[in-house]
Amino acid sequence: MYARVTTFQVDPSRLDELGARIAEMKRLIKALPGLQDAYVTWRGDGQGAVVAVYRSRQEADAAMRRMQVIWGNVAGLLAGPPRTDAYENVAHITN
């Protein structure tokens, strides 16, 4: 497995819009090649993160172009560009 963790900052005055945008993008996100699971989380000050787990790095890399389009759907809400870190070792600990 392979994971990408992307942090982002949303203008706190626009947080009400974030949940609706995420719901609209759910179908696109679920269709990403090799995606095993994904979570998005945010707090009241606008700081957020996306954790996406893929079957492999190759599939995560193949999903990058689509991810850029998906991020474009929320670009107007962001205070700056998202920052992504990658992890080549993933252990699922709840199952």
C-alpha atoms as a PDB file:
ATOM      1  CA  MET A   1       0.000   0.000   0.000  1.00  0.00           C
ATOM      2  CA  TYR A   2       0.970   3.627  -0.490  1.00  0.00           C
ATOM      3  CA  ALA A   3      -0.436   6.755   1.151  1.00  0.00           C
ATOM      4  CA  ARG A   4      -0.604  10.439   0.417  1.00  0.00           C
ATOM      5  CA  VAL A   5      -1.407  12.952   3.139  1.00  0.00           C
ATOM      6  CA  THR A   6      -2.375  16.376   1.847  1.00  0.00           C
ATOM      7  CA  THR A   7      -2.808  19.333   4.169  1.00  0.00           C
ATOM      8  CA  PHE A   8      -4.737  22.429   3.221  1.00  0.00           C
ATOM      9  CA  GLN A   9      -6.052  25.690   4.653  1.00  0.00           C
ATOM     10  CA  VAL A  10      -9.576  26.927   3.969  1.00  0.00           C
ATOM     11  CA  ASP A  11     -10.704  30.460   4.663  1.00  0.00           C
ATOM     12  CA  PRO A  12     -12.581  29.916   7.974  1.00  0.00           C
ATOM     13  CA  SER A  13     -15.440  32.131   6.804  1.00  0.00           C
ATOM     14  CA  ARG A  14     -16.091  29.613   3.987  1.00  0.00           C
ATOM     15  CA  LEU A  15     -16.014  26.374   5.982  1.00  0.00           C
ATOM     16  CA  ASP A  16     -19.768  25.917   5.530  1.00  0.00           C
ATOM     17  CA  GLU A  17     -19.138  25.445   1.799  1.00  0.00           C
ATOM     18  CA  LEU A  18     -16.443  22.803   2.259  1.00  0.00           C
ATOM     19  CA  GLY A  19     -18.702  19.926   3.315  1.00  0.00           C
ATOM     20  CA  ALA A  20     -21.027  20.478   0.364  1.00  0.00           C
ATOM     21  CA  ARG A  21     -18.130  20.591  -2.102  1.00  0.00           C
ATOM     22  CA  ILE A  22     -16.677  17.381  -0.692  1.00  0.00           C
ATOM     23  CA  ALA A  23     -20.048  15.645  -1.042  1.00  0.00           C
ATOM     24  CA  GLU A  24     -20.198  16.759  -4.699  1.00  0.00           C
ATOM     25  CA  MET A  25     -16.700  15.352  -5.359  1.00  0.00           C
ATOM     26  CA  LYS A  26     -17.253  12.000  -3.654  1.00  0.00           C
ATOM     27  CA  ARG A  27     -18.037  10.155  -6.899  1.00  0.00           C
ATOM     28  CA  LEU A  28     -14.861  11.483  -8.545  1.00  0.00           C
ATOM     29  CA  ILE A  29     -12.727  10.568  -5.561  1.00  0.00           C
ATOM     30  CA  LYS A  30     -14.115   7.029  -5.306  1.00  0.00           C
ATOM     31  CA  ALA A  31     -13.262   6.476  -8.987  1.00  0.00           C
ATOM     32  CA  LEU A  32      -9.534   7.212  -8.562  1.00  0.00           C
ATOM     33  CA  PRO A  33      -7.371   4.340  -9.815  1.00  0.00           C
ATOM     34  CA  GLY A  34      -6.172   2.059  -7.037  1.00  0.00           C
ATOM     35  CA  LEU A  35      -7.767   4.062  -4.238  1.00  0.00           C
ATOM     36  CA  GLN A  36      -8.363   1.842  -1.209  1.00  0.00           C
ATOM     37  CA  ASP A  37      -9.679   4.418   1.243  1.00  0.00           C
ATOM     38  CA  ALA A  38      -9.745   8.158   1.786  1.00  0.00           C
ATOM     39  CA  TYR A  39     -10.625  10.533   4.602  1.00  0.00           C
ATOM     40  CA  VAL A  40     -10.869  14.293   4.764  1.00  0.00           C
ATOM     41  CA  THR A  41     -10.843  16.156   8.037  1.00  0.00           C
ATOM     42  CA  TRP A  42     -10.878  19.820   9.018  1.00  0.00           C
ATOM     43  CA  ARG A  43     -11.291  22.038  12.029  1.00  0.00           C
ATOM     44  CA  GLY A  44     -12.832  25.418  12.786  1.00  0.00           C
ATOM     45  CA  ASP A  45      -9.705  27.423  11.990  1.00  0.00           C
ATOM     46  CA  GLY A  46      -9.767  26.076   8.423  1.00  0.00           C
ATOM     47  CA  GLN A  47      -6.817  23.674   8.721  1.00  0.00           C
ATOM     48  CA  GLY A  48      -7.559  20.349   7.041  1.00  0.00           C
ATOM     49  CA  ALA A  49      -6.035  17.147   5.746  1.00  0.00           C
ATOM     50  CA  VAL A  50      -6.809  14.401   3.269  1.00  0.00           C
ATOM     51  CA  VAL A  51      -5.447  10.904   3.853  1.00  0.00           C
ATOM     52  CA  ALA A  52      -5.646   8.703   0.757  1.00  0.00           C
ATOM     53  CA  VAL A  53      -4.440   5.103   0.681  1.00  0.00           C
ATOM     54  CA  TYR A  54      -3.752   3.420  -2.656  1.00  0.00           C
ATOM     55  CA  ARG A  55      -2.858  -0.153  -3.575  1.00  0.00           C
ATOM     56  CA  SER A  56       0.471   1.000  -5.003  1.00  0.00           C
ATOM     57  CA  ARG A  57       2.610   4.025  -5.760  1.00  0.00           C
ATOM     58  CA  GLN A  58       2.039   3.472  -9.464  1.00  0.00           C
ATOM     59  CA  GLU A  59      -1.726   3.746  -9.011  1.00  0.00           C
ATOM     60  CA  ALA A  60      -1.324   6.795  -6.779  1.00  0.00           C
ATOM     61  CA  ASP A  61       0.831   8.416  -9.447  1.00  0.00           C
ATOM     62  CA  ALA A  62      -1.781   7.544 -12.095  1.00  0.00           C
ATOM     63  CA  ALA A  63      -4.416   9.290  -9.971  1.00  0.00           C
ATOM     64  CA  MET A  64      -2.461  12.560  -9.720  1.00  0.00           C
ATOM     65  CA  ARG A  65      -3.906  14.226 -12.824  1.00  0.00           C
ATOM     66  CA  ARG A  66      -7.458  13.481 -11.680  1.00  0.00           C
ATOM     67  CA  MET A  67      -6.589  14.690  -8.170  1.00  0.00           C
ATOM     68  CA  GLN A  68      -5.465  18.030  -9.570  1.00  0.00           C
ATOM     69  CA  VAL A  69      -8.869  18.426 -11.215  1.00  0.00           C
ATOM     70  CA  ILE A  70     -10.598  17.464  -7.969  1.00  0.00           C
ATOM     71  CA  TRP A  71      -8.541  20.015  -6.001  1.00  0.00           C
ATOM     72  CA  GLY A  72      -9.585  22.565  -8.608  1.00  0.00           C
ATOM     73  CA  ASN A  73     -13.175  22.118  -7.410  1.00  0.00           C
ATOM     74  CA  VAL A  74     -12.244  23.601  -4.021  1.00  0.00           C
ATOM     75  CA  ALA A  75      -9.485  25.985  -5.115  1.00  0.00           C
ATOM     76  CA  GLY A  76     -11.693  29.025  -4.491  1.00  0.00           C
ATOM     77  CA  LEU A  77     -12.028  28.018  -0.849  1.00  0.00           C
ATOM     78  CA  LEU A  78      -8.311  27.509  -0.211  1.00  0.00           C
ATOM     79  CA  ALA A  79      -6.037  30.103   1.364  1.00  0.00           C
ATOM     80  CA  GLY A  80      -3.059  28.658  -0.530  1.00  0.00           C
ATOM     81  CA  PRO A  81      -1.913  25.569  -2.403  1.00  0.00           C
ATOM     82  CA  PRO A  82      -2.299  22.201  -0.658  1.00  0.00           C
ATOM     83  CA  ARG A  83       0.851  20.405   0.501  1.00  0.00           C
ATOM     84  CA  THR A  84       1.229  16.660  -0.111  1.00  0.00           C
ATOM     85  CA  ASP A  85       3.533  14.168   1.578  1.00  0.00           C
ATOM     86  CA  ALA A  86       3.846  10.542   0.444  1.00  0.00           C
ATOM     87  CA  TYR A  87       4.419   7.407   2.503  1.00  0.00           C
ATOM     88  CA  GLU A  88       5.477   4.105   1.003  1.00  0.00           C
ATOM     89  CA  ASN A  89       4.702   2.057   4.112  1.00  0.00           C
ATOM     90  CA  VAL A  90       1.116   1.692   5.322  1.00  0.00           C
ATOM     91  CA  ALA A  91      -0.277  -0.601   8.013  1.00  0.00           C
ATOM     92  CA  HIS A  92      -4.019  -0.905   8.590  1.00  0.00           C
ATOM     93  CA  ILE A  93      -4.438  -1.222  12.349  1.00  0.00           C
ATOM     94  CA  THR A  94      -8.204  -1.284  12.917  1.00  0.00           C
ATOM     95  CA  ASN A  95      -9.011  -4.559  11.092  1.00  0.00           C
END
